[in-house]
């Protein structure tokens, strides 16, 4: 792992089904950190992610719950081409998470673009934009007011920047 991505998860609508209380549209936001491979076509990746979800429902009252995720998986990145800074990326993750007292595991996929800012280095750096999707429901014990609920799968968006990491390859000329 030669680069690190820092990113923000943009709020997008997701459906939260509350036990005995109907459903609510929520807009999670968050941030994360991910280790990125060193210019290989397919490489290992992993990261940490945090999301905050506000709920305002007559059955739960106004409340906030959080998702803490450990992401482990593989990443595909198109090879760099001189004069073309835009590269396609795709990832598949195992999302291992915790929310209040609920442990969960969910598969997640992501696809996006990396706009490289340093064309001639082996380590990828630059602005990223990704669309991600969690493939299954998350059954959570406490989504506010002590009520259980189910967070449905939904598309999410993240914007980030990849920086050179601590273990970068020395560039040779």
Foldseek 3Di string as FASTA:
>chain_A
DWKKKKKKWFWDWWWKQWVVFGIDTKTKIWIWMKDDDQQDQKDKMKIKIKIKIWDDGPQFHTDIKMKIWIWTWMKGWDHADPPQQKIKMKIWTWIWIDIDHDTDTWIKIKIWIFRAPDRPFRGGWGKIKMKMKTDAKDWAQDGGNRITIIIGIDIIMMIIIMDTDPPHDDDDD
